[in-house]
Amino acid sequence: MLAETFWLVMTIACLVWYSTITVYVAVRGSFDIQKMLDELRRSQR
């Protein structure tokens, strides 16, 4: 029972960590893409 609880907690912790990193990268990436597109629009004028 103790080992099952340990692995359940470890699995949940890994999923939370992976989800957090994924969301962080997605948000930062969207800001970078928006900035890049703005710079491209400015350079075309």
Protein backbone atom coordinates (compact mmCIF):
# COMPACT_ATOMS: atom_id res chain seq x y z
CA MET A 1 0.00 0.00 0.00
CA LEU A 2 2.80 2.42 0.86
CA ALA A 3 4.57 1.79 -2.46
CA GLU A 4 1.34 2.37 -4.40
CA THR A 5 0.79 5.67 -2.62
CA PHE A 6 4.38 6.70 -3.29
CA TRP A 7 4.10 5.99 -7.02
CA LEU A 8 0.72 7.69 -7.22
CA VAL A 9 2.17 10.83 -5.64
CA MET A 10 5.23 10.67 -7.92
CA THR A 11 3.02 10.26 -11.01
CA ILE A 12 0.83 13.20 -10.05
CA ALA A 13 3.90 15.34 -9.28
CA CYS A 14 5.42 14.53 -12.68
CA LEU A 15 2.17 15.31 -14.49
CA VAL A 16 1.86 18.63 -12.68
CA TRP A 17 5.50 19.49 -13.44
CA TYR A 18 5.17 18.53 -17.12
CA SER A 19 1.90 20.45 -17.48
CA THR A 20 3.42 23.53 -15.86
CA ILE A 21 6.45 23.49 -18.16
CA THR A 22 4.24 22.92 -21.21
CA VAL A 23 1.97 25.85 -20.39
CA TYR A 24 4.95 28.09 -19.60
CA VAL A 25 6.65 27.29 -22.92
CA ALA A 26 3.39 27.78 -24.84
CA VAL A 27 2.71 31.18 -23.26
CA ARG A 28 6.28 32.44 -23.71
CA GLY A 29 6.31 31.12 -27.27
CA SER A 30 3.10 32.92 -28.14
CA PHE A 31 4.56 36.21 -26.88
CA ASP A 32 7.75 35.61 -28.89
CA ILE A 33 5.76 34.84 -32.04
CA GLN A 34 3.63 37.96 -31.54
CA LYS A 35 6.77 40.08 -31.10
CA MET A 36 8.35 38.54 -34.21
CA LEU A 37 5.24 39.20 -36.30
CA ASP A 38 5.09 42.81 -35.08
CA GLU A 39 8.74 43.31 -36.09
CA LEU A 40 8.08 41.79 -39.51
CA ARG A 41 5.11 44.10 -40.04
CA ARG A 42 7.23 47.12 -39.10
CA SER A 43 10.05 46.10 -41.43
CA GLN A 44 7.66 45.83 -44.41
CA ARG A 45 6.56 49.45 -44.15
